[in-house]
Amino acid sequence: MAVTTDDDQDTKPDETGADTTEPDETKSDETKSDDTQSGRRRPVLLGLVIAAFVILLGAVGFLGWQLWQQRQLDAAAAAARQAATDYAQVLTSIDSDKVDENFDAVLDGATGEFKDMYSQSSAELRQLLIDNKATAHGVVLESAVQSVEKDKVVVLLFVDQSVTNTQVPDPRIDRSRVKMTMEYVDGRWRASKVELA
């Protein structure tokens, strides 16, 4: 019979071959530490994912807003350009037999500085057109937007105007470059400034 001591029992495996030593406390502390770090990493990771999502959502929202703004400006430019083209034809076309109708149409499409100036000079111009039996017909050949804001657009126009009167009975073509400032007033685009360029 063999004599064994307590020291021998701690290091000898039992007869089944399994290690009967007590688990090491440092191993269980490491496992607990790993579990604790995993537990801490999950909320941090979740927070980072949420933050990334919020940033992405904000970026998409900002880009969408910019796109919407640009479309608003593009729509304003197109509408003002069309209104300027139509108005330039009204402004450059006159019939001495319908002077009052022509003036009303011009004043209807005007606003601000240009409307004031045209109103002041229309009485003299009216009599001059009637006395000379003047007629004119304007055609816009080309137009382009120079600058655009939400409620103000500057349009450049190339206009051919055929003019006849008692002094020049044969039609004469006048070619003009016009710079027209259009403003959105009372739900319509109106000319606030007209300059020959």
Protein backbone atom coordinates (compact mmCIF):
# COMPACT_ATOMS: atom_id res chain seq x y z
CA MET A 1 0.00 0.00 0.00
CA ALA A 2 1.25 3.43 -0.93
CA VAL A 3 1.13 6.37 1.34
CA THR A 4 -0.01 9.63 -0.15
CA THR A 5 0.13 13.11 1.19
CA ASP A 6 -2.10 16.05 0.53
CA ASP A 7 0.50 17.53 -1.82
CA ASP A 8 0.41 14.39 -3.93
CA GLN A 9 -3.39 14.47 -4.23
CA ASP A 10 -3.48 18.02 -5.59
CA THR A 11 -1.18 17.28 -8.50
CA LYS A 12 -2.13 13.70 -9.38
CA PRO A 13 -4.89 13.10 -11.79
CA ASP A 14 -7.56 10.72 -10.65
CA GLU A 15 -7.79 7.32 -12.15
CA THR A 16 -10.20 8.41 -14.87
CA GLY A 17 -7.58 10.74 -16.25
CA ALA A 18 -9.47 13.94 -15.38
CA ASP A 19 -7.62 16.75 -13.66
CA THR A 20 -9.04 17.17 -10.19
CA THR A 21 -7.25 20.39 -9.37
CA GLU A 22 -9.28 23.36 -8.29
CA PRO A 23 -9.92 25.94 -11.03
CA ASP A 24 -7.48 28.78 -10.96
CA GLU A 25 -8.99 32.04 -9.67
CA THR A 26 -7.11 34.14 -12.25
CA LYS A 27 -8.83 32.27 -15.09
CA SER A 28 -12.27 33.03 -13.72
CA ASP A 29 -11.31 36.69 -13.22
CA GLU A 30 -10.20 36.89 -16.89
CA THR A 31 -13.47 35.37 -18.04
CA LYS A 32 -15.42 37.80 -15.89
CA SER A 33 -13.29 40.66 -17.26
CA ASP A 34 -13.98 39.57 -20.88
CA ASP A 35 -17.70 39.33 -20.16
CA THR A 36 -17.66 42.78 -18.55
CA GLN A 37 -15.77 44.32 -21.50
CA SER A 38 -18.20 42.71 -23.97
CA GLY A 39 -21.05 44.12 -21.95
CA ARG A 40 -19.49 47.57 -22.13
CA ARG A 41 -18.68 47.29 -25.85
CA ARG A 42 -22.25 46.54 -26.88
CA PRO A 43 -23.75 49.88 -25.74
CA VAL A 44 -20.76 51.77 -27.15
CA LEU A 45 -21.08 49.97 -30.46
CA LEU A 46 -24.83 50.56 -30.49
CA GLY A 47 -24.23 54.23 -29.73
CA LEU A 48 -21.77 54.52 -32.60
CA VAL A 49 -24.20 52.85 -35.01
CA ILE A 50 -26.99 55.20 -33.91
CA ALA A 51 -24.69 58.24 -34.21
CA ALA A 52 -23.61 57.16 -37.71
CA PHE A 53 -27.26 56.70 -38.70
CA VAL A 54 -28.21 60.14 -37.36
CA ILE A 55 -25.29 61.77 -39.22
CA LEU A 56 -26.21 59.95 -42.42
CA LEU A 57 -29.85 60.94 -42.02
CA GLY A 58 -28.83 64.57 -41.44
CA ALA A 59 -26.57 64.56 -44.50
CA VAL A 60 -29.31 63.09 -46.69
CA GLY A 61 -31.78 65.65 -45.33
CA PHE A 62 -29.38 68.53 -46.01
CA LEU A 63 -28.63 67.34 -49.55
CA GLY A 64 -32.35 66.87 -50.19
CA TRP A 65 -33.04 70.42 -48.98
CA GLN A 66 -30.29 71.79 -51.26
CA LEU A 67 -31.71 69.88 -54.22
CA TRP A 68 -35.19 71.25 -53.44
CA GLN A 69 -33.77 74.80 -53.24
CA GLN A 70 -31.99 74.39 -56.58
CA ARG A 71 -35.18 73.10 -58.20
CA GLN A 72 -37.05 76.11 -56.82
CA LEU A 73 -34.43 78.44 -58.37
CA ASP A 74 -34.52 76.55 -61.68
CA ALA A 75 -38.32 76.80 -61.76
CA ALA A 76 -38.16 80.53 -60.94
CA ALA A 77 -35.57 81.08 -63.70
CA ALA A 78 -37.65 79.23 -66.29
CA ALA A 79 -40.89 81.01 -65.37
CA ALA A 80 -39.24 84.46 -65.26
CA ARG A 81 -37.48 83.84 -68.57
CA GLN A 82 -40.77 82.91 -70.24
CA ALA A 83 -42.52 85.92 -68.71
CA ALA A 84 -39.70 88.23 -69.86
CA THR A 85 -39.88 86.83 -73.39
CA ASP A 86 -43.65 87.35 -73.53
CA TYR A 87 -43.37 90.80 -72.00
CA ALA A 88 -40.60 91.90 -74.38
CA GLN A 89 -42.93 91.12 -77.28
CA VAL A 90 -45.71 93.18 -75.65
CA LEU A 91 -43.27 96.00 -74.95
CA THR A 92 -41.85 96.12 -78.48
CA SER A 93 -45.14 95.66 -80.34
CA ILE A 94 -47.48 98.63 -80.77
CA ASP A 95 -50.32 99.61 -83.04
CA SER A 96 -51.27 103.29 -83.29
CA ASP A 97 -54.92 102.26 -83.66
CA LYS A 98 -54.80 100.39 -80.32
CA VAL A 99 -52.45 102.57 -78.29
CA ASP A 100 -54.51 102.47 -75.10
CA GLU A 101 -54.77 98.66 -75.18
CA ASN A 102 -51.00 98.40 -75.77
CA PHE A 103 -50.22 100.76 -72.88
CA ASP A 104 -52.55 98.86 -70.56
CA ALA A 105 -50.80 95.60 -71.45
CA VAL A 106 -47.37 97.17 -70.86
CA LEU A 107 -48.41 98.60 -67.48
CA ASP A 108 -50.02 95.30 -66.48
CA GLY A 109 -46.70 93.49 -66.86
CA ALA A 110 -44.64 96.17 -65.13
CA THR A 111 -43.83 96.93 -61.50
CA GLY A 112 -41.66 99.22 -59.41
CA GLU A 113 -39.23 101.63 -61.08
CA PHE A 114 -40.10 100.65 -64.63
CA LYS A 115 -43.86 101.00 -64.10
CA ASP A 116 -43.39 104.46 -62.60
CA MET A 117 -41.16 105.63 -65.46
CA TYR A 118 -43.45 104.22 -68.15
CA SER A 119 -46.56 105.74 -66.53
CA GLN A 120 -44.94 109.18 -66.48
CA SER A 121 -43.82 109.09 -70.12
CA SER A 122 -46.86 107.35 -71.61
CA ALA A 123 -48.93 110.51 -72.25
CA GLU A 124 -46.24 112.05 -74.48
CA LEU A 125 -45.44 108.75 -76.14
CA ARG A 126 -49.11 108.04 -76.81
CA GLN A 127 -49.62 111.26 -78.78
CA LEU A 128 -46.36 110.79 -80.70
CA LEU A 129 -47.40 107.28 -81.80
CA ILE A 130 -50.85 108.43 -82.91
CA ASP A 131 -49.53 111.47 -84.81
CA ASN A 132 -46.95 109.39 -86.70
CA LYS A 133 -49.25 106.38 -87.22
CA ALA A 134 -46.50 104.19 -85.83
CA THR A 135 -46.65 100.43 -85.67
CA ALA A 136 -44.07 98.00 -84.40
CA HIS A 137 -43.83 94.28 -84.02
CA GLY A 138 -41.21 92.73 -81.79
CA VAL A 139 -39.87 89.18 -81.88
CA VAL A 140 -37.55 87.72 -79.27
CA LEU A 141 -34.83 85.75 -81.02
CA GLU A 142 -32.96 84.49 -77.96
CA SER A 143 -33.10 84.83 -74.21
CA ALA A 144 -30.99 83.70 -71.30
CA VAL A 145 -30.99 84.04 -67.54
CA GLN A 146 -28.11 86.13 -66.22
CA SER A 147 -28.83 85.76 -62.51
CA VAL A 148 -31.51 84.19 -60.36
CA GLU A 149 -32.85 84.62 -56.86
CA LYS A 150 -36.06 83.26 -55.42
CA ASP A 151 -38.12 86.37 -56.31
CA LYS A 152 -35.82 88.24 -58.71
CA VAL A 153 -34.38 87.12 -62.06
CA VAL A 154 -32.32 89.09 -64.59
CA VAL A 155 -32.97 88.02 -68.19
CA LEU A 156 -31.01 88.99 -71.30
CA LEU A 157 -33.00 89.15 -74.54
CA PHE A 158 -32.15 89.64 -78.21
CA VAL A 159 -35.09 91.34 -79.92
CA ASP A 160 -35.82 92.19 -83.52
CA GLN A 161 -38.38 94.95 -83.93
CA SER A 162 -40.01 95.80 -87.24
CA VAL A 163 -41.03 99.49 -87.23
CA THR A 164 -43.12 101.54 -89.65
CA ASN A 165 -44.50 105.09 -89.44
CA THR A 166 -45.44 108.01 -91.72
CA GLN A 167 -41.76 108.98 -92.05
CA VAL A 168 -40.60 105.40 -92.84
CA PRO A 169 -43.45 103.53 -94.55
CA ASP A 170 -41.27 100.53 -95.39
CA PRO A 171 -40.58 98.30 -92.41
CA ARG A 172 -37.23 98.87 -90.75
CA ILE A 173 -35.67 96.22 -88.52
CA ASP A 174 -34.16 97.39 -85.25
CA ARG A 175 -32.05 94.84 -83.41
CA SER A 176 -31.85 95.34 -79.68
CA ARG A 177 -30.27 93.69 -76.70
CA VAL A 178 -32.44 94.09 -73.64
CA LYS A 179 -31.61 93.43 -70.02
CA MET A 180 -34.83 92.91 -68.09
CA THR A 181 -35.12 92.49 -64.33
CA MET A 182 -38.15 90.41 -63.43
CA GLU A 183 -39.63 90.38 -59.93
CA TYR A 184 -42.25 88.01 -58.56
CA VAL A 185 -45.06 90.33 -57.40
CA ASP A 186 -48.66 89.40 -56.61
CA GLY A 187 -48.25 85.87 -57.94
CA ARG A 188 -46.77 86.93 -61.30
CA TRP A 189 -43.41 87.73 -62.81
CA ARG A 190 -43.32 91.43 -63.75
CA ALA A 191 -40.65 93.70 -65.22
CA SER A 192 -39.20 96.08 -62.63
CA LYS A 193 -36.32 97.37 -64.78
CA VAL A 194 -35.74 97.38 -68.55
CA GLU A 195 -32.43 98.50 -70.03
CA LEU A 196 -31.00 98.45 -73.52
CA ALA A 197 -27.72 96.58 -73.33
